[in-house]
N, C-alpha and C. Protein backbone atom coordinates (compact mmCIF):
# COMPACT_ATOMS: atom_id res chain seq x y z
N MET A 1 93.58 29.12 3.87
CA MET A 1 92.16 29.01 3.21
C MET A 1 91.18 28.24 4.91
N THR A 2 90.24 29.22 5.00
CA THR A 2 89.44 29.18 6.12
C THR A 2 88.22 27.99 5.92
N ARG A 3 88.59 26.97 6.89
CA ARG A 3 87.35 25.83 6.42
C ARG A 3 86.09 25.92 7.56
N THR A 4 85.14 26.19 6.83
CA THR A 4 83.78 26.46 7.54
C THR A 4 83.28 24.62 7.80
N ARG A 5 83.60 24.68 9.05
CA ARG A 5 82.78 23.59 9.46
C ARG A 5 81.23 23.68 9.53
N MET A 6 80.55 22.99 9.30
CA MET A 6 79.00 22.84 9.05
C MET A 6 78.47 21.93 10.65
N MET A 7 78.05 22.65 10.81
CA MET A 7 77.34 21.72 12.00
C MET A 7 76.11 21.11 11.75
N ARG A 8 75.92 19.77 12.31
CA ARG A 8 75.04 19.21 12.13
C ARG A 8 74.42 19.12 12.91
N ILE A 9 72.53 19.92 13.08
CA ILE A 9 71.80 19.93 13.92
C ILE A 9 70.82 18.41 14.01
N GLU A 10 70.65 18.30 14.49
CA GLU A 10 69.95 16.52 14.71
C GLU A 10 68.39 17.02 15.60
N ARG A 11 67.74 17.21 14.88
CA ARG A 11 66.37 17.20 14.98
C ARG A 11 65.98 15.43 15.94
N LYS A 12 64.70 15.86 16.78
CA LYS A 12 64.10 14.53 17.32
C LYS A 12 63.15 14.61 16.04
N PRO A 13 62.71 13.07 16.01
CA PRO A 13 62.21 12.52 14.85
C PRO A 13 60.67 13.13 15.39
N GLN A 14 59.97 13.46 14.23
CA GLN A 14 58.46 13.57 14.50
C GLN A 14 57.48 12.69 14.60
N ALA A 15 56.94 12.99 16.22
CA ALA A 15 55.50 11.46 15.94
C ALA A 15 54.88 11.44 15.21
N LYS A 16 54.72 10.12 14.81
CA LYS A 16 53.82 9.89 13.59
C LYS A 16 52.16 10.29 13.55
N PRO A 17 51.45 10.72 13.22
CA PRO A 17 49.93 11.57 13.55
C PRO A 17 49.31 9.87 14.20
N ARG A 18 48.53 9.64 15.26
CA ARG A 18 48.51 8.63 15.63
C ARG A 18 46.82 8.11 14.87
N ARG A 19 46.49 6.97 14.49
CA ARG A 19 45.24 6.43 13.97
C ARG A 19 44.43 6.28 15.07
N GLY A 20 42.97 6.26 14.60
CA GLY A 20 41.78 6.03 15.63
C GLY A 20 41.13 6.99 15.80
N ALA A 21 40.51 6.35 16.95
CA ALA A 21 39.58 8.06 17.71
C ALA A 21 39.58 7.95 19.23
N THR A 22 39.81 8.73 19.42
CA THR A 22 39.66 8.91 21.17
C THR A 22 38.29 8.62 22.12
N LEU A 23 38.37 7.88 23.02
CA LEU A 23 37.15 7.96 23.87
C LEU A 23 36.02 9.16 23.81
N LEU A 24 36.49 10.55 23.57
CA LEU A 24 35.63 11.51 23.30
C LEU A 24 34.98 11.36 22.13
N ASP A 25 35.43 11.20 20.75
CA ASP A 25 35.54 10.83 19.71
C ASP A 25 34.62 10.01 19.35
N VAL A 26 34.64 8.87 19.67
CA VAL A 26 33.50 7.97 19.91
C VAL A 26 32.35 7.92 20.57
N VAL A 27 32.37 8.58 21.55
CA VAL A 27 30.84 9.39 22.74
C VAL A 27 30.18 10.08 21.83
N ILE A 28 30.73 11.17 21.22
CA ILE A 28 30.34 12.09 20.75
C ILE A 28 29.38 11.52 19.17
N GLY A 29 30.36 10.96 18.78
CA GLY A 29 29.94 10.35 17.60
C GLY A 29 28.26 9.38 17.83
N SER A 30 28.93 8.14 18.91
CA SER A 30 27.12 7.56 19.55
C SER A 30 26.74 8.56 19.38
N MET A 31 26.53 9.73 20.04
CA MET A 31 24.92 10.60 20.42
C MET A 31 24.67 11.31 19.14
N LEU A 32 25.54 11.33 18.10
CA LEU A 32 24.84 11.84 17.15
C LEU A 32 24.30 10.68 16.00
N LEU A 33 24.74 9.62 16.53
CA LEU A 33 24.32 8.58 15.82
C LEU A 33 23.01 8.11 16.18
N SER A 34 22.47 8.54 17.58
CA SER A 34 21.24 8.07 18.27
C SER A 34 20.22 9.17 18.44
N VAL A 35 21.28 10.72 18.27
CA VAL A 35 19.89 11.42 17.75
C VAL A 35 19.56 11.76 16.40
N LEU A 36 20.30 11.39 15.55
CA LEU A 36 19.66 11.19 14.18
C LEU A 36 19.10 10.40 13.10
N LEU A 37 20.01 9.13 13.53
CA LEU A 37 19.87 8.18 12.70
C LEU A 37 18.59 7.29 12.90
N ILE A 38 18.37 7.05 14.11
CA ILE A 38 17.64 6.38 15.28
C ILE A 38 16.06 6.67 15.16
N PRO A 39 16.01 8.19 15.05
CA PRO A 39 14.51 8.63 14.36
C PRO A 39 14.53 8.41 12.67
N SER A 40 15.03 8.60 12.13
CA SER A 40 15.29 8.43 10.40
C SER A 40 14.98 7.27 10.12
N LEU A 41 15.30 6.18 10.76
CA LEU A 41 15.19 4.58 10.51
C LEU A 41 13.87 4.49 10.91
N HIS A 42 13.39 5.22 11.85
CA HIS A 42 11.62 5.02 12.27
C HIS A 42 11.00 5.86 11.26
N LEU A 43 10.86 6.76 10.98
CA LEU A 43 10.82 7.13 9.91
C LEU A 43 10.32 6.71 8.42
N LEU A 44 11.94 5.84 8.20
CA LEU A 44 11.91 5.05 7.00
C LEU A 44 11.04 3.93 7.07
N THR A 45 10.55 3.04 7.81
CA THR A 45 10.11 2.35 8.08
C THR A 45 8.43 2.28 8.32
N ARG A 46 7.79 3.50 8.85
CA ARG A 46 7.15 4.22 8.69
C ARG A 46 6.38 4.07 7.51
N SER A 47 7.37 4.55 6.55
CA SER A 47 7.43 5.11 5.26
C SER A 47 6.58 3.80 4.58
N GLN A 48 7.64 2.83 4.46
CA GLN A 48 7.30 1.82 3.73
C GLN A 48 6.29 0.74 4.43
N LYS A 49 5.81 1.03 5.48
CA LYS A 49 4.35 0.40 5.95
C LYS A 49 3.26 1.15 5.35
N MET A 50 3.35 2.43 5.37
CA MET A 50 2.47 3.01 4.34
C MET A 50 2.21 3.08 3.01
N HIS A 51 3.80 3.11 2.11
CA HIS A 51 3.80 2.48 0.92
C HIS A 51 3.31 1.30 0.81
N ARG A 52 3.28 0.17 1.41
CA ARG A 52 2.45 -1.49 1.39
C ARG A 52 1.17 -1.12 1.38
N ARG A 53 0.42 -0.07 2.35
CA ARG A 53 -0.92 -0.39 3.11
C ARG A 53 -1.48 0.52 1.26
N LEU A 54 -1.00 1.32 1.08
CA LEU A 54 -1.85 2.32 -0.10
C LEU A 54 -1.72 1.75 -1.05
N LYS A 55 -0.37 1.05 -1.63
CA LYS A 55 -0.59 -0.04 -2.56
C LYS A 55 -1.16 -1.56 -2.40
N LEU A 56 -1.92 -1.63 -1.53
CA LEU A 56 -2.73 -3.04 -1.35
C LEU A 56 -4.29 -2.29 -2.00
N HIS A 57 -4.11 -1.20 -0.85
CA HIS A 57 -5.85 -0.61 -1.31
C HIS A 57 -6.03 -0.36 -2.72
N LYS A 58 -4.71 0.52 -3.34
CA LYS A 58 -4.97 0.87 -5.24
C LYS A 58 -5.14 -0.59 -5.44
N SER A 59 -4.36 -1.56 -5.33
CA SER A 59 -4.84 -2.70 -5.95
C SER A 59 -6.19 -3.35 -5.98
N MET A 60 -6.86 -3.37 -4.44
CA MET A 60 -8.17 -3.35 -3.73
C MET A 60 -9.29 -2.26 -4.88
N LEU A 61 -9.02 -1.01 -5.07
CA LEU A 61 -10.06 -0.53 -5.96
C LEU A 61 -9.97 -0.54 -7.29
N PHE A 62 -8.82 -1.20 -7.72
CA PHE A 62 -8.70 -1.51 -9.18
C PHE A 62 -9.61 -2.85 -9.71
N GLU A 63 -9.52 -3.69 -8.49
CA GLU A 63 -10.18 -4.87 -8.84
C GLU A 63 -11.40 -4.47 -8.45
N ALA A 64 -12.24 -3.87 -7.49
CA ALA A 64 -13.29 -3.71 -7.21
C ALA A 64 -14.12 -2.72 -8.66
N ASP A 65 -13.03 -2.03 -9.35
CA ASP A 65 -13.65 -1.29 -10.34
C ASP A 65 -13.44 -2.52 -11.55
N GLN A 66 -12.72 -3.47 -11.41
CA GLN A 66 -12.89 -4.48 -12.69
C GLN A 66 -14.40 -5.15 -12.54
N LEU A 67 -14.85 -5.82 -11.45
CA LEU A 67 -15.98 -6.12 -11.31
C LEU A 67 -17.54 -5.19 -11.32
N LEU A 68 -17.02 -3.98 -11.32
CA LEU A 68 -17.93 -3.41 -11.69
C LEU A 68 -18.12 -3.11 -12.79
N GLN A 69 -17.04 -3.11 -13.69
CA GLN A 69 -17.22 -2.91 -15.04
C GLN A 69 -17.65 -4.41 -15.70
N GLN A 70 -17.39 -5.32 -15.33
CA GLN A 70 -17.38 -6.35 -15.73
C GLN A 70 -19.13 -7.03 -15.50
N ARG A 71 -19.63 -6.61 -14.23
CA ARG A 71 -21.02 -6.30 -14.17
C ARG A 71 -21.78 -5.43 -15.27
N LYS A 72 -21.33 -4.41 -15.25
CA LYS A 72 -22.11 -3.68 -16.41
C LYS A 72 -22.46 -3.81 -17.47
N ILE A 73 -21.24 -4.42 -18.29
CA ILE A 73 -20.74 -5.35 -19.16
C ILE A 73 -22.16 -6.53 -19.89
N LEU A 74 -22.16 -7.23 -18.70
CA LEU A 74 -23.26 -8.30 -18.46
C LEU A 74 -24.86 -7.66 -18.35
N LEU A 75 -24.86 -6.77 -17.35
CA LEU A 75 -26.60 -6.25 -17.60
C LEU A 75 -26.67 -5.19 -18.89
N SER A 76 -25.54 -5.24 -19.83
CA SER A 76 -25.90 -4.34 -21.09
C SER A 76 -26.99 -4.90 -22.06
N ASP A 77 -26.98 -6.54 -21.82
CA ASP A 77 -27.42 -7.06 -22.53
C ASP A 77 -28.78 -7.52 -22.08
N GLN A 78 -30.49 -6.80 -22.92
CA GLN A 78 -31.22 -7.10 -22.41
C GLN A 78 -32.01 -7.86 -21.66
N VAL A 79 -31.63 -9.12 -21.87
CA VAL A 79 -32.18 -10.29 -21.47
C VAL A 79 -31.69 -10.35 -20.18
N ALA A 80 -30.51 -10.07 -19.68
CA ALA A 80 -29.59 -10.43 -18.57
C ALA A 80 -30.21 -9.36 -17.56
N PHE A 81 -30.59 -7.82 -18.06
CA PHE A 81 -30.71 -6.87 -17.63
C PHE A 81 -32.69 -7.37 -17.09
N ALA A 82 -33.01 -7.80 -17.41
CA ALA A 82 -34.70 -8.13 -17.60
C ALA A 82 -34.80 -9.25 -16.47
N LYS A 83 -33.57 -9.80 -16.32
CA LYS A 83 -33.53 -10.95 -14.79
C LYS A 83 -33.25 -10.47 -14.20
N ALA A 84 -32.50 -9.66 -14.07
CA ALA A 84 -31.79 -8.98 -12.92
C ALA A 84 -32.87 -8.01 -12.25
N TRP A 85 -33.83 -7.33 -13.10
CA TRP A 85 -34.81 -6.44 -12.54
C TRP A 85 -35.59 -7.32 -11.92
N ALA A 86 -36.16 -8.51 -12.51
CA ALA A 86 -36.94 -9.03 -12.11
C ALA A 86 -37.17 -10.20 -10.33
N ARG A 87 -35.51 -10.70 -10.38
CA ARG A 87 -35.11 -11.11 -9.37
C ARG A 87 -33.71 -10.54 -8.41
N PRO A 88 -34.22 -9.42 -8.22
CA PRO A 88 -32.61 -9.03 -7.64
C PRO A 88 -32.21 -9.50 -6.28
N MET A 89 -30.63 -9.57 -6.59
CA MET A 89 -30.06 -10.59 -5.82
C MET A 89 -30.17 -10.16 -4.09
N SER A 90 -30.14 -11.42 -3.52
CA SER A 90 -30.63 -11.09 -1.83
C SER A 90 -29.15 -11.00 -0.93
N THR A 91 -28.25 -11.89 -1.82
CA THR A 91 -26.74 -11.63 -0.86
C THR A 91 -25.97 -11.43 -2.28
N SER A 92 -24.87 -10.78 -1.62
CA SER A 92 -24.01 -10.63 -2.84
C SER A 92 -23.12 -12.02 -3.32
N GLU A 93 -22.50 -12.44 -4.55
CA GLU A 93 -22.20 -13.13 -5.12
C GLU A 93 -20.61 -12.98 -4.49
N ARG A 94 -20.15 -13.93 -4.22
CA ARG A 94 -18.57 -13.66 -3.49
C ARG A 94 -18.15 -14.02 -4.15
N SER A 95 -16.30 -14.04 -4.47
CA SER A 95 -15.60 -14.38 -5.38
C SER A 95 -14.03 -14.01 -4.63
N THR A 96 -12.71 -15.19 -5.12
CA THR A 96 -11.43 -14.76 -4.30
C THR A 96 -10.64 -14.35 -5.77
N ILE A 97 -10.27 -13.20 -5.64
CA ILE A 97 -9.25 -12.69 -6.47
C ILE A 97 -7.88 -12.56 -6.04
N VAL A 98 -6.59 -13.25 -6.82
CA VAL A 98 -5.56 -13.26 -6.71
C VAL A 98 -4.25 -12.06 -7.43
N THR A 99 -4.05 -11.16 -6.95
CA THR A 99 -3.70 -9.77 -7.51
C THR A 99 -1.87 -10.26 -7.93
N GLU A 100 -1.39 -9.56 -8.71
CA GLU A 100 -0.11 -9.78 -9.81
C GLU A 100 0.66 -9.78 -8.46
N ASP A 101 0.64 -9.39 -7.52
CA ASP A 101 1.90 -9.46 -6.83
C ASP A 101 1.34 -10.63 -5.65
N GLY A 102 0.58 -11.75 -5.85
CA GLY A 102 -0.04 -12.32 -5.51
C GLY A 102 -0.80 -12.37 -3.83
N GLN A 103 -0.89 -11.36 -3.49
CA GLN A 103 -1.74 -11.69 -2.82
C GLN A 103 -3.19 -11.92 -3.10
N GLN A 104 -4.23 -12.74 -1.71
CA GLN A 104 -5.38 -13.33 -2.22
C GLN A 104 -6.09 -12.10 -1.47
N LEU A 105 -7.32 -11.61 -2.06
CA LEU A 105 -8.46 -10.64 -2.03
C LEU A 105 -9.79 -11.83 -2.11
N ALA A 106 -10.82 -10.92 -1.03
CA ALA A 106 -12.23 -11.81 -1.04
C ALA A 106 -12.77 -10.54 -1.95
N ALA A 107 -13.75 -11.11 -2.79
CA ALA A 107 -14.94 -10.12 -3.31
C ALA A 107 -16.12 -10.62 -3.19
N GLY A 108 -16.82 -9.40 -3.55
CA GLY A 108 -18.49 -9.37 -4.01
C GLY A 108 -19.02 -8.20 -4.26
N VAL A 109 -20.24 -9.13 -5.36
CA VAL A 109 -20.78 -8.02 -5.83
C VAL A 109 -22.61 -8.38 -5.77
N LEU A 110 -23.09 -7.02 -5.85
CA LEU A 110 -24.65 -7.24 -5.08
C LEU A 110 -25.38 -6.24 -6.37
N VAL A 111 -26.31 -6.74 -6.65
CA VAL A 111 -27.09 -5.84 -7.64
C VAL A 111 -29.01 -5.81 -7.35
N GLN A 112 -28.92 -5.03 -7.15
CA GLN A 112 -30.61 -4.65 -6.84
C GLN A 112 -30.73 -3.70 -7.17
N ARG A 113 -32.43 -3.51 -7.41
CA ARG A 113 -33.16 -2.56 -7.88
C ARG A 113 -33.21 -1.15 -7.36
N ASP A 114 -33.00 0.00 -7.57
CA ASP A 114 -32.58 1.38 -7.39
C ASP A 114 -34.41 1.63 -6.64
N SER A 115 -34.55 1.82 -5.57
CA SER A 115 -35.62 2.29 -4.63
C SER A 115 -36.19 3.53 -5.45
N THR A 116 -35.02 4.63 -5.27
CA THR A 116 -35.45 5.99 -5.71
C THR A 116 -35.78 6.31 -6.93
N ALA A 117 -35.51 5.71 -7.87
CA ALA A 117 -35.87 5.62 -9.17
C ALA A 117 -37.26 5.38 -9.95
N LYS A 118 -38.17 6.45 -9.68
CA LYS A 118 -39.21 5.59 -9.68
C LYS A 118 -40.16 5.76 -11.61
N LEU A 119 -39.27 6.61 -12.44
CA LEU A 119 -40.05 6.49 -13.57
C LEU A 119 -39.48 5.14 -14.44
N SER A 120 -37.83 4.99 -14.12
CA SER A 120 -37.02 4.20 -15.12
C SER A 120 -36.55 3.27 -13.87
N LYS A 121 -36.21 2.12 -15.04
CA LYS A 121 -35.78 0.82 -14.26
C LYS A 121 -34.17 0.91 -14.43
N LEU A 122 -33.71 1.14 -13.08
CA LEU A 122 -32.29 1.38 -12.63
C LEU A 122 -32.01 0.22 -11.32
N LEU A 123 -30.59 -0.46 -11.94
CA LEU A 123 -30.32 -1.28 -11.01
C LEU A 123 -29.04 -0.39 -10.12
N THR A 124 -28.94 -0.83 -8.65
CA THR A 124 -27.74 -0.46 -8.58
C THR A 124 -26.71 -1.47 -8.01
N ILE A 125 -25.48 -1.04 -8.50
CA ILE A 125 -24.33 -2.32 -8.50
C ILE A 125 -23.30 -1.88 -7.42
N ALA A 126 -22.92 -2.80 -6.54
CA ALA A 126 -21.95 -2.61 -5.72
C ALA A 126 -21.09 -3.49 -5.15
N THR A 127 -19.53 -3.07 -5.46
CA THR A 127 -18.71 -4.15 -5.08
C THR A 127 -18.26 -3.80 -4.04
N GLN A 128 -17.21 -5.28 -3.68
CA GLN A 128 -16.51 -4.89 -2.29
C GLN A 128 -15.25 -5.87 -2.66
N VAL A 129 -14.32 -5.55 -2.02
CA VAL A 129 -13.21 -5.87 -2.10
C VAL A 129 -12.20 -5.82 -1.00
N TRP A 130 -11.87 -7.28 -0.22
CA TRP A 130 -11.37 -6.55 1.20
C TRP A 130 -10.49 -7.67 1.53
N GLN A 131 -9.25 -7.60 2.22
CA GLN A 131 -8.45 -8.86 2.42
C GLN A 131 -8.59 -9.41 3.63
N ASP A 132 -9.16 -10.72 3.44
CA ASP A 132 -10.20 -11.59 4.27
C ASP A 132 -8.56 -12.24 5.32
N ARG A 133 -8.13 -11.68 6.01
CA ARG A 133 -7.40 -12.21 6.88
C ARG A 133 -7.39 -13.45 7.70
N ASN A 134 -8.34 -13.46 7.71
CA ASN A 134 -8.74 -14.70 8.77
C ASN A 134 -9.56 -15.53 8.18
N ARG A 135 -9.87 -15.80 6.59
CA ARG A 135 -10.65 -16.10 5.69
C ARG A 135 -12.21 -16.72 6.16
N ASN A 136 -12.69 -16.08 6.88
CA ASN A 136 -14.18 -16.65 6.93
C ASN A 136 -15.49 -16.21 6.16
N GLY A 137 -14.85 -15.47 4.86
CA GLY A 137 -15.69 -14.97 4.12
C GLY A 137 -16.57 -13.83 4.40
N ARG A 138 -16.23 -12.96 5.43
CA ARG A 138 -17.32 -11.09 5.78
C ARG A 138 -15.81 -10.54 6.08
N VAL A 139 -16.20 -9.24 6.04
CA VAL A 139 -15.53 -8.06 6.26
C VAL A 139 -15.48 -7.93 7.76
N ASP A 140 -14.15 -7.80 8.28
CA ASP A 140 -14.01 -8.13 9.76
C ASP A 140 -13.73 -6.45 10.11
N GLU A 141 -13.56 -5.97 10.99
CA GLU A 141 -13.25 -4.66 11.70
C GLU A 141 -11.82 -3.80 11.51
N ASP A 142 -11.16 -5.52 11.44
CA ASP A 142 -9.46 -4.57 11.19
C ASP A 142 -9.18 -5.08 9.62
N GLU A 143 -10.21 -5.39 9.12
CA GLU A 143 -9.35 -5.95 7.51
C GLU A 143 -9.87 -4.69 6.65
N PRO A 144 -8.43 -4.64 5.87
CA PRO A 144 -8.77 -3.45 5.12
C PRO A 144 -9.53 -4.03 3.35
N VAL A 145 -10.74 -2.82 3.00
CA VAL A 145 -11.91 -3.14 2.62
C VAL A 145 -11.93 -1.67 1.66
N GLU A 146 -12.47 -1.97 0.27
CA GLU A 146 -12.68 -0.99 -0.84
C GLU A 146 -13.99 -1.22 -0.98
N GLN A 147 -14.72 -0.38 -1.11
CA GLN A 147 -16.28 -0.55 -1.75
C GLN A 147 -16.56 0.83 -2.68
N LEU A 148 -17.22 0.08 -4.00
CA LEU A 148 -17.34 1.39 -5.18
C LEU A 148 -18.96 0.40 -5.41
N GLN A 149 -19.56 1.58 -5.71
CA GLN A 149 -21.04 2.01 -6.51
C GLN A 149 -21.45 2.65 -7.01
N SER A 150 -22.61 1.73 -8.42
CA SER A 150 -22.88 2.74 -9.46
C SER A 150 -24.22 1.90 -10.03
N HIS A 151 -24.83 2.61 -10.77
CA HIS A 151 -26.29 2.75 -11.35
C HIS A 151 -25.79 2.52 -12.48
N TRP A 152 -27.43 1.44 -13.36
CA TRP A 152 -27.29 1.13 -14.65
C TRP A 152 -28.24 1.16 -14.97
N GLY A 153 -28.85 1.82 -15.99
CA GLY A 153 -30.08 1.93 -16.63
C GLY A 153 -30.32 0.33 -17.67
N GLU A 154 -31.57 0.84 -17.70
CA GLU A 154 -32.43 -0.57 -18.80
C GLU A 154 -31.73 0.13 -19.96
N PRO A 155 -31.02 -1.01 -20.92
CA PRO A 155 -30.48 -0.93 -22.05
C PRO A 155 -31.59 -0.28 -23.30
């Protein structure tokens, strides 16, 4: 009988793959972040600011419309209309409005005769709502403001 001998081949143990990144990987990753991520963060920040600004203007327009409609309801009474026609306002009535999200807004309503209408009694109702940041009771150049105007005829 012949015996075959098995030879044992020894292999070197394979090196385990390294965990982690090389310096080149870190540099390339940092460059990609600075090129892509930073401008997108600026865009996101600017978008949030615009959203807040639009939300503020939307709420100011809503409040101005509410003031306008309230004044129209008051003037739908013949006696109130006659008083407003006899004594038009020289200055606007000021008020303060607190919105649902807690912002404090200043508002003004002005009712005057419409001088362009010659044949009928027509009143002009102007409302103005603004964010009075310095609380001086006047609209300043840097303060956001919304204005609405309408006409109301004799009931």
